[in-house]
Amino acid sequence: MLELSEELAPVHPAATVVLVREGDEGLEVLLVRRNQALAHMGGMWVFPGGRVDAADYCPPGDDYRAARNAAIRETREEAGLELEEDQLAYLSHWVTPEGAKRRYATWFFLAVLEDGQEVVVDGGEIAAHRWVRPAVAFAELADREHPFRLLPPTYVSLVELAECASCGEALARISAREAPHFAPRMVFVTNGICFLYEGDAGYEGLDLEASGPRHRTYMIDDQLEYIREY
């Protein structure tokens, strides 16, 4: 569950890489599981990534380039994979909502792994990894007897990739549109949270019942549902 705070937390720049490959049954995505003992997102399945460091600002002052540098570095540190800058396609940008204990402005990049590199996790911060088809991840998420924990940005990214039959189709889809920006606003509901995104009729007024388009994610008892209705 999202860690909450009554104080307004600072927003730190971060980067994440959504790695995909061609599996026997179609597109597969790399997920890594954070160590259960970690205070922040312990046990969560995430994409490789982390905060942008000062050394990533080369050249100085370029936030986007720093995010790309951080994405490459974090993928190396967390998954043992070497990526080149030209492999990264800008997928989306997410800002952790106000009210969260830790907040990040995160660039999400898509990258296709084609050279057969093997994933090697550090066994510390990252405890395990798996390649999984989005449809399989959704099925496991719905199985309450075998908890498979994701946060909304990971889930929403998988929803988009689930519509792509191949890595080539995913890259073509990403390249044909502007990267969406998500600045969620939280509304607390029974046993969970509704995250409203821009474009939802209730976004400005935090009104879940407002008539009009829907663009939101419900996270209730670790179950996720993404709704996009025009």
C-alpha atoms as a PDB file:
ATOM      1  CA  MET A   1       0.000   0.000   0.000  1.00  0.00           C
ATOM      2  CA  LEU A   2       1.109   3.578  -0.622  1.00  0.00           C
ATOM      3  CA  GLU A   3       2.883   5.160   2.369  1.00  0.00           C
ATOM      4  CA  LEU A   4       1.000   8.292   3.453  1.00  0.00           C
ATOM      5  CA  SER A   5       2.050  11.417   5.307  1.00  0.00           C
ATOM      6  CA  GLU A   6       0.291  14.499   6.654  1.00  0.00           C
ATOM      7  CA  GLU A   7       3.218  16.696   5.569  1.00  0.00           C
ATOM      8  CA  LEU A   8       3.899  17.752   1.978  1.00  0.00           C
ATOM      9  CA  ALA A   9       6.942  15.747   0.888  1.00  0.00           C
ATOM     10  CA  PRO A  10       9.510  17.104  -1.602  1.00  0.00           C
ATOM     11  CA  VAL A  11       9.444  15.738  -5.147  1.00  0.00           C
ATOM     12  CA  HIS A  12      12.628  13.984  -6.310  1.00  0.00           C
ATOM     13  CA  PRO A  13      13.473  13.259  -9.958  1.00  0.00           C
ATOM     14  CA  ALA A  14      13.603   9.560 -10.837  1.00  0.00           C
ATOM     15  CA  ALA A  15      13.693   7.227 -13.824  1.00  0.00           C
ATOM     16  CA  THR A  16      12.319   3.786 -14.632  1.00  0.00           C
ATOM     17  CA  VAL A  17      12.898   1.388 -17.520  1.00  0.00           C
ATOM     18  CA  VAL A  18      10.140  -0.890 -18.810  1.00  0.00           C
ATOM     19  CA  LEU A  19      12.143  -3.675 -20.451  1.00  0.00           C
ATOM     20  CA  VAL A  20      10.377  -5.926 -22.935  1.00  0.00           C
ATOM     21  CA  ARG A  21      11.412  -8.939 -24.995  1.00  0.00           C
ATOM     22  CA  GLU A  22       9.827 -11.393 -27.416  1.00  0.00           C
ATOM     23  CA  GLY A  23       8.691 -14.483 -25.525  1.00  0.00           C
ATOM     24  CA  ASP A  24       7.326 -17.764 -26.854  1.00  0.00           C
ATOM     25  CA  GLU A  25       3.766 -16.469 -26.468  1.00  0.00           C
ATOM     26  CA  GLY A  26       4.339 -12.798 -27.238  1.00  0.00           C
ATOM     27  CA  LEU A  27       5.631  -9.703 -25.501  1.00  0.00           C
ATOM     28  CA  GLU A  28       7.082 -10.193 -22.020  1.00  0.00           C
ATOM     29  CA  VAL A  29       7.961  -7.518 -19.475  1.00  0.00           C
ATOM     30  CA  LEU A  30      10.717  -7.584 -16.861  1.00  0.00           C
ATOM     31  CA  LEU A  31       9.570  -7.083 -13.277  1.00  0.00           C
ATOM     32  CA  VAL A  32      11.868  -7.050 -10.247  1.00  0.00           C
ATOM     33  CA  ARG A  33      10.725  -7.574  -6.654  1.00  0.00           C
ATOM     34  CA  ARG A  34      11.990  -5.231  -3.959  1.00  0.00           C
ATOM     35  CA  ASN A  35      13.308  -6.871  -0.824  1.00  0.00           C
ATOM     36  CA  GLN A  36      10.510  -7.528   1.669  1.00  0.00           C
ATOM     37  CA  ALA A  37      12.595  -5.963   4.443  1.00  0.00           C
ATOM     38  CA  LEU A  38      12.791  -2.544   2.764  1.00  0.00           C
ATOM     39  CA  ALA A  39      10.783   0.219   4.425  1.00  0.00           C
ATOM     40  CA  HIS A  40       9.835   1.750   1.067  1.00  0.00           C
ATOM     41  CA  MET A  41       7.748  -0.491  -1.211  1.00  0.00           C
ATOM     42  CA  GLY A  42       9.084  -3.678   0.361  1.00  0.00           C
ATOM     43  CA  GLY A  43       7.852  -6.769  -1.500  1.00  0.00           C
ATOM     44  CA  MET A  44       6.463  -4.776  -4.434  1.00  0.00           C
ATOM     45  CA  TRP A  45       7.031  -5.882  -8.031  1.00  0.00           C
ATOM     46  CA  VAL A  46       8.352  -2.904 -10.001  1.00  0.00           C
ATOM     47  CA  PHE A  47      10.335  -1.981 -13.090  1.00  0.00           C
ATOM     48  CA  PRO A  48      14.081  -1.348 -12.632  1.00  0.00           C
ATOM     49  CA  GLY A  49      14.702   2.260 -11.672  1.00  0.00           C
ATOM     50  CA  GLY A  50      15.398   4.790  -8.969  1.00  0.00           C
ATOM     51  CA  ARG A  51      16.294   8.366  -8.111  1.00  0.00           C
ATOM     52  CA  VAL A  52      18.323  10.590 -10.408  1.00  0.00           C
ATOM     53  CA  ASP A  53      21.748  11.217  -8.842  1.00  0.00           C
ATOM     54  CA  ALA A  54      23.841  14.377  -9.138  1.00  0.00           C
ATOM     55  CA  ALA A  55      26.320  12.481 -11.341  1.00  0.00           C
ATOM     56  CA  ASP A  56      23.532  11.763 -13.853  1.00  0.00           C
ATOM     57  CA  TYR A  57      23.383  15.463 -14.759  1.00  0.00           C
ATOM     58  CA  CYS A  58      25.868  15.328 -17.618  1.00  0.00           C
ATOM     59  CA  PRO A  59      25.544  17.859 -19.144  1.00  0.00           C
ATOM     60  CA  PRO A  60      24.302  19.938 -16.172  1.00  0.00           C
ATOM     61  CA  GLY A  61      20.793  21.400 -16.203  1.00  0.00           C
ATOM     62  CA  ASP A  62      19.203  18.890 -18.577  1.00  0.00           C
ATOM     63  CA  ASP A  63      16.572  17.014 -16.532  1.00  0.00           C
ATOM     64  CA  TYR A  64      15.481  14.744 -19.381  1.00  0.00           C
ATOM     65  CA  ARG A  65      19.026  13.701 -20.255  1.00  0.00           C
ATOM     66  CA  ALA A  66      19.759  13.124 -16.564  1.00  0.00           C
ATOM     67  CA  ALA A  67      16.704  10.849 -16.367  1.00  0.00           C
ATOM     68  CA  ARG A  68      17.971   8.835 -19.342  1.00  0.00           C
ATOM     69  CA  ASN A  69      21.384   8.512 -17.712  1.00  0.00           C
ATOM     70  CA  ALA A  70      19.749   7.408 -14.453  1.00  0.00           C
ATOM     71  CA  ALA A  71      17.581   4.872 -16.287  1.00  0.00           C
ATOM     72  CA  ILE A  72      20.657   3.244 -17.832  1.00  0.00           C
ATOM     73  CA  ARG A  73      22.579   3.282 -14.545  1.00  0.00           C
ATOM     74  CA  GLU A  74      19.703   1.891 -12.451  1.00  0.00           C
ATOM     75  CA  THR A  75      19.075  -0.914 -14.956  1.00  0.00           C
ATOM     76  CA  ARG A  76      22.727  -1.889 -14.677  1.00  0.00           C
ATOM     77  CA  GLU A  77      22.697  -1.738 -10.873  1.00  0.00           C
ATOM     78  CA  GLU A  78      19.384  -3.515 -10.282  1.00  0.00           C
ATOM     79  CA  ALA A  79      19.217  -5.997 -13.152  1.00  0.00           C
ATOM     80  CA  GLY A  80      22.790  -6.317 -14.452  1.00  0.00           C
ATOM     81  CA  LEU A  81      21.735  -5.237 -17.943  1.00  0.00           C
ATOM     82  CA  GLU A  82      23.617  -2.818 -20.206  1.00  0.00           C
ATOM     83  CA  LEU A  83      21.485  -0.440 -22.263  1.00  0.00           C
ATOM     84  CA  GLU A  84      22.377   2.212 -24.805  1.00  0.00           C
ATOM     85  CA  GLU A  85      20.738   5.620 -24.848  1.00  0.00           C
ATOM     86  CA  ASP A  86      19.198   5.043 -28.282  1.00  0.00           C
ATOM     87  CA  GLN A  87      17.307   2.028 -26.911  1.00  0.00           C
ATOM     88  CA  LEU A  88      15.170   4.225 -24.642  1.00  0.00           C
ATOM     89  CA  ALA A  89      11.754   5.383 -25.885  1.00  0.00           C
ATOM     90  CA  TYR A  90       9.894   7.898 -23.715  1.00  0.00           C
ATOM     91  CA  LEU A  91       6.840   6.058 -22.403  1.00  0.00           C
ATOM     92  CA  SER A  92       5.243   8.303 -19.741  1.00  0.00           C
ATOM     93  CA  HIS A  93       5.870  10.622 -16.820  1.00  0.00           C
ATOM     94  CA  TRP A  94       4.420  10.142 -13.342  1.00  0.00           C
ATOM     95  CA  VAL A  95       4.385  12.428 -10.296  1.00  0.00           C
ATOM     96  CA  THR A  96       3.594  10.823  -6.942  1.00  0.00           C
ATOM     97  CA  PRO A  97       0.425  12.445  -5.538  1.00  0.00           C
ATOM     98  CA  GLU A  98       0.390  14.891  -2.660  1.00  0.00           C
ATOM     99  CA  GLY A  99      -0.126  13.036   0.595  1.00  0.00           C
ATOM    100  CA  ALA A 100       2.414  10.307  -0.140  1.00  0.00           C
ATOM    101  CA  LYS A 101       5.333   9.967   2.284  1.00  0.00           C
ATOM    102  CA  ARG A 102       7.875   9.822  -0.565  1.00  0.00           C
ATOM    103  CA  ARG A 103       7.257  11.677  -3.822  1.00  0.00           C
ATOM    104  CA  TYR A 104       8.969  11.339  -7.183  1.00  0.00           C
ATOM    105  CA  ALA A 105       8.726  12.851 -10.641  1.00  0.00           C
ATOM    106  CA  THR A 106       9.546   9.771 -12.695  1.00  0.00           C
ATOM    107  CA  TRP A 107      10.362   9.414 -16.370  1.00  0.00           C
ATOM    108  CA  PHE A 108       9.284   6.001 -17.698  1.00  0.00           C
ATOM    109  CA  PHE A 109      11.222   4.654 -20.676  1.00  0.00           C
ATOM    110  CA  LEU A 110      10.507   1.620 -22.853  1.00  0.00           C
ATOM    111  CA  ALA A 111      13.437  -0.505 -24.032  1.00  0.00           C
ATOM    112  CA  VAL A 112      13.547  -3.716 -26.061  1.00  0.00           C
ATOM    113  CA  LEU A 113      16.105  -6.317 -24.965  1.00  0.00           C
ATOM    114  CA  GLU A 114      17.235  -8.174 -28.071  1.00  0.00           C
ATOM    115  CA  ASP A 115      20.791  -9.342 -27.362  1.00  0.00           C
ATOM    116  CA  GLY A 116      20.142 -12.221 -24.966  1.00  0.00           C
ATOM    117  CA  GLN A 117      21.620 -10.582 -21.874  1.00  0.00           C
ATOM    118  CA  GLU A 118      20.793 -12.416 -18.655  1.00  0.00           C
ATOM    119  CA  VAL A 119      19.225 -10.593 -15.730  1.00  0.00           C
ATOM    120  CA  VAL A 120      21.318 -10.593 -12.557  1.00  0.00           C
ATOM    121  CA  VAL A 121      19.771  -8.965  -9.471  1.00  0.00           C
ATOM    122  CA  ASP A 122      21.870  -7.764  -6.544  1.00  0.00           C
ATOM    123  CA  GLY A 123      20.098  -9.877  -3.904  1.00  0.00           C
ATOM    124  CA  GLY A 124      19.980  -6.856  -1.605  1.00  0.00           C
ATOM    125  CA  GLU A 125      17.556  -4.128  -2.608  1.00  0.00           C
ATOM    126  CA  ILE A 126      16.246  -6.377  -5.389  1.00  0.00           C
ATOM    127  CA  ALA A 127      15.384  -9.896  -4.258  1.00  0.00           C
ATOM    128  CA  ALA A 128      14.060 -11.531  -7.435  1.00  0.00           C
ATOM    129  CA  HIS A 129      13.051 -10.990 -11.044  1.00  0.00           C
ATOM    130  CA  ARG A 130      10.760 -12.467 -13.646  1.00  0.00           C
ATOM    131  CA  TRP A 131       9.754 -12.016 -17.266  1.00  0.00           C
ATOM    132  CA  VAL A 132       5.986 -12.065 -17.520  1.00  0.00           C
ATOM    133  CA  ARG A 133       3.254 -11.449 -20.065  1.00  0.00           C
ATOM    134  CA  PRO A 134       0.941  -8.654 -18.904  1.00  0.00           C
ATOM    135  CA  ALA A 135      -2.088 -10.973 -19.057  1.00  0.00           C
ATOM    136  CA  VAL A 136      -0.374 -13.410 -16.683  1.00  0.00           C
ATOM    137  CA  ALA A 137       0.482 -10.580 -14.279  1.00  0.00           C
ATOM    138  CA  PHE A 138      -3.163  -9.458 -14.258  1.00  0.00           C
ATOM    139  CA  ALA A 139      -4.358 -12.995 -13.512  1.00  0.00           C
ATOM    140  CA  GLU A 140      -1.960 -13.323 -10.589  1.00  0.00           C
ATOM    141  CA  LEU A 141      -2.912  -9.882  -9.284  1.00  0.00           C
ATOM    142  CA  ALA A 142      -6.535 -11.041  -9.115  1.00  0.00           C
ATOM    143  CA  ASP A 143      -5.596 -14.216  -7.193  1.00  0.00           C
ATOM    144  CA  ARG A 144      -5.943 -13.207  -3.547  1.00  0.00           C
ATOM    145  CA  GLU A 145      -4.360 -16.465  -2.326  1.00  0.00           C
ATOM    146  CA  HIS A 146      -1.050 -15.640  -4.036  1.00  0.00           C
ATOM    147  CA  PRO A 147      -0.379 -11.923  -3.462  1.00  0.00           C
ATOM    148  CA  PHE A 148       1.242 -10.174  -6.416  1.00  0.00           C
ATOM    149  CA  ARG A 149       1.636  -6.541  -5.450  1.00  0.00           C
ATOM    150  CA  LEU A 150       1.882  -3.688  -7.961  1.00  0.00           C
ATOM    151  CA  LEU A 151       1.502   0.072  -7.678  1.00  0.00           C
ATOM    152  CA  PRO A 152      -0.703   2.023 -10.113  1.00  0.00           C
ATOM    153  CA  PRO A 153       2.090   3.346 -12.420  1.00  0.00           C
ATOM    154  CA  THR A 154       3.367  -0.195 -12.965  1.00  0.00           C
ATOM    155  CA  TYR A 155      -0.136  -1.521 -13.502  1.00  0.00           C
ATOM    156  CA  VAL A 156      -1.208   1.224 -15.927  1.00  0.00           C
ATOM    157  CA  SER A 157       1.985   0.715 -17.947  1.00  0.00           C
ATOM    158  CA  LEU A 158       1.242  -3.006 -18.193  1.00  0.00           C
ATOM    159  CA  VAL A 159      -2.322  -2.254 -19.322  1.00  0.00           C
ATOM    160  CA  GLU A 160      -1.006  -0.304 -22.306  1.00  0.00           C
ATOM    161  CA  LEU A 161       1.572  -2.953 -23.194  1.00  0.00           C
ATOM    162  CA  ALA A 162      -1.044  -5.711 -22.932  1.00  0.00           C
ATOM    163  CA  GLU A 163      -2.631  -4.296 -26.089  1.00  0.00           C
ATOM    164  CA  CYS A 164       0.602  -4.926 -28.057  1.00  0.00           C
ATOM    165  CA  ALA A 165       1.273  -8.332 -29.585  1.00  0.00           C
ATOM    166  CA  SER A 166       5.006  -7.743 -30.066  1.00  0.00           C
ATOM    167  CA  CYS A 167       7.875  -5.495 -29.029  1.00  0.00           C
ATOM    168  CA  GLY A 168       7.832  -3.873 -32.461  1.00  0.00           C
ATOM    169  CA  GLU A 169       4.167  -3.022 -32.065  1.00  0.00           C
ATOM    170  CA  ALA A 170       4.854  -1.561 -28.615  1.00  0.00           C
ATOM    171  CA  LEU A 171       7.639   0.669 -29.947  1.00  0.00           C
ATOM    172  CA  ALA A 172       5.499   1.810 -32.872  1.00  0.00           C
ATOM    173  CA  ARG A 173       2.646   2.653 -30.515  1.00  0.00           C
ATOM    174  CA  ILE A 174       4.868   4.649 -28.174  1.00  0.00           C
ATOM    175  CA  SER A 175       6.565   6.511 -31.013  1.00  0.00           C
ATOM    176  CA  ALA A 176       3.235   7.537 -32.565  1.00  0.00           C
ATOM    177  CA  ARG A 177       1.965   9.519 -29.559  1.00  0.00           C
ATOM    178  CA  GLU A 178       3.172  12.053 -27.040  1.00  0.00           C
ATOM    179  CA  ALA A 179       4.185  10.595 -23.711  1.00  0.00           C
ATOM    180  CA  PRO A 180       1.281  11.083 -21.269  1.00  0.00           C
ATOM    181  CA  HIS A 181       1.865  12.896 -17.983  1.00  0.00           C
ATOM    182  CA  PHE A 182       0.148  11.552 -14.868  1.00  0.00           C
ATOM    183  CA  ALA A 183      -0.280  13.789 -11.824  1.00  0.00           C
ATOM    184  CA  PRO A 184      -2.710  11.709  -9.721  1.00  0.00           C
ATOM    185  CA  ARG A 185      -5.016  13.172  -7.121  1.00  0.00           C
ATOM    186  CA  MET A 186      -6.158  10.837  -4.346  1.00  0.00           C
ATOM    187  CA  VAL A 187      -9.669  10.229  -3.095  1.00  0.00           C
ATOM    188  CA  PHE A 188     -10.013   7.776  -0.222  1.00  0.00           C
ATOM    189  CA  VAL A 189     -12.689   5.102  -0.609  1.00  0.00           C
ATOM    190  CA  THR A 190     -13.653   2.101   1.500  1.00  0.00           C
ATOM    191  CA  ASN A 191     -10.557  -0.108   1.958  1.00  0.00           C
ATOM    192  CA  GLY A 192      -8.497   1.845  -0.534  1.00  0.00           C
ATOM    193  CA  ILE A 193      -7.790   4.826  -2.753  1.00  0.00           C
ATOM    194  CA  CYS A 194      -9.014   6.125  -6.093  1.00  0.00           C
ATOM    195  CA  PHE A 195      -6.309   7.880  -8.107  1.00  0.00           C
ATOM    196  CA  LEU A 196      -7.771  10.469 -10.469  1.00  0.00           C
ATOM    197  CA  TYR A 197      -5.838  11.535 -13.565  1.00  0.00           C
ATOM    198  CA  GLU A 198      -6.193  14.579 -15.784  1.00  0.00           C
ATOM    199  CA  GLY A 199      -9.066  14.037 -18.178  1.00  0.00           C
ATOM    200  CA  ASP A 200     -11.317  12.507 -15.525  1.00  0.00           C
ATOM    201  CA  ALA A 201     -14.490  14.509 -14.927  1.00  0.00           C
ATOM    202  CA  GLY A 202     -13.843  14.385 -11.198  1.00  0.00           C
ATOM    203  CA  TYR A 203     -10.176  15.430 -11.304  1.00  0.00           C
ATOM    204  CA  GLU A 204     -10.509  19.105 -10.389  1.00  0.00           C
ATOM    205  CA  GLY A 205     -13.250  18.742  -7.785  1.00  0.00           C
ATOM    206  CA  LEU A 206     -12.162  15.352  -6.416  1.00  0.00           C
ATOM    207  CA  ASP A 207     -15.704  14.176  -7.167  1.00  0.00           C
ATOM    208  CA  LEU A 208     -15.883  10.481  -8.041  1.00  0.00           C
ATOM    209  CA  GLU A 209     -19.507  10.823  -9.129  1.00  0.00           C
ATOM    210  CA  ALA A 210     -19.035  13.771 -11.520  1.00  0.00           C
ATOM    211  CA  SER A 211     -20.626  13.067 -14.893  1.00  0.00           C
ATOM    212  CA  GLY A 212     -18.309  12.817 -17.871  1.00  0.00           C
ATOM    213  CA  PRO A 213     -15.101  11.012 -18.889  1.00  0.00           C
ATOM    214  CA  ARG A 214     -13.350   8.604 -16.578  1.00  0.00           C
ATOM    215  CA  HIS A 215      -9.554   8.351 -16.199  1.00  0.00           C
ATOM    216  CA  ARG A 216      -8.683   6.752 -12.885  1.00  0.00           C
ATOM    217  CA  THR A 217      -7.259   3.772 -11.032  1.00  0.00           C
ATOM    218  CA  TYR A 218      -8.867   2.137  -8.007  1.00  0.00           C
ATOM    219  CA  MET A 219      -6.513   0.425  -5.537  1.00  0.00           C
ATOM    220  CA  ILE A 220      -8.629  -1.482  -3.023  1.00  0.00           C
ATOM    221  CA  ASP A 221      -7.192  -4.228  -0.796  1.00  0.00           C
ATOM    222  CA  ASP A 222      -4.138  -4.409  -3.127  1.00  0.00           C
ATOM    223  CA  GLN A 223      -6.461  -5.026  -6.104  1.00  0.00           C
ATOM    224  CA  LEU A 224      -6.139  -2.602  -9.042  1.00  0.00           C
ATOM    225  CA  GLU A 225      -8.601  -1.449 -11.692  1.00  0.00           C
ATOM    226  CA  TYR A 226      -7.700   1.096 -14.385  1.00  0.00           C
ATOM    227  CA  ILE A 227     -10.620   2.882 -16.045  1.00  0.00           C
ATOM    228  CA  ARG A 228     -10.330   4.983 -19.204  1.00  0.00           C
ATOM    229  CA  GLU A 229     -13.675   6.036 -20.641  1.00  0.00           C
ATOM    230  CA  TYR A 230     -14.176   9.006 -22.982  1.00  0.00           C
END
